[in-house]
Amino acid sequence: MSDALISTLPGVGPVTQAWLEEVGIRTVAELRMLGAVEAYRRLKFMLPRRVSLNALYALEAALRGCHWLHLPADVKSALQREGKAIDEAFRRGAAARCSLG
């Protein structure tokens, strides 16, 4: 399964597949190696307004072989914290780049 395409994972549709490919993630092995959080970070950087926390849930669920609604509450909470940290870092980075110093 390591060379399997991302599209073979449950819950990964053509839009998400295309986004992942744009950030260099083409196989299940690549996604597993990076993990859902890093993949989400890359997607969020590329498409900040289009990628939501649901994408993070979906990526984690796909790696676990389940639907995102079936992720345990503690996993969802951990993902929410990670997603919030990524969102805040992204906003701080954008603000820092735009300040006059």
Foldseek 3Di string as FASTA:
>chain_A
DLAAFPVVFPPQDPVNSVLLVVLPRTGLNSCVVCDLLNSLLSSCVVPVVPRDLLSSLSSNCSNVRHHSVPDDPVVSVVSVVSVVVSNVVVVVVVVVVPDPD
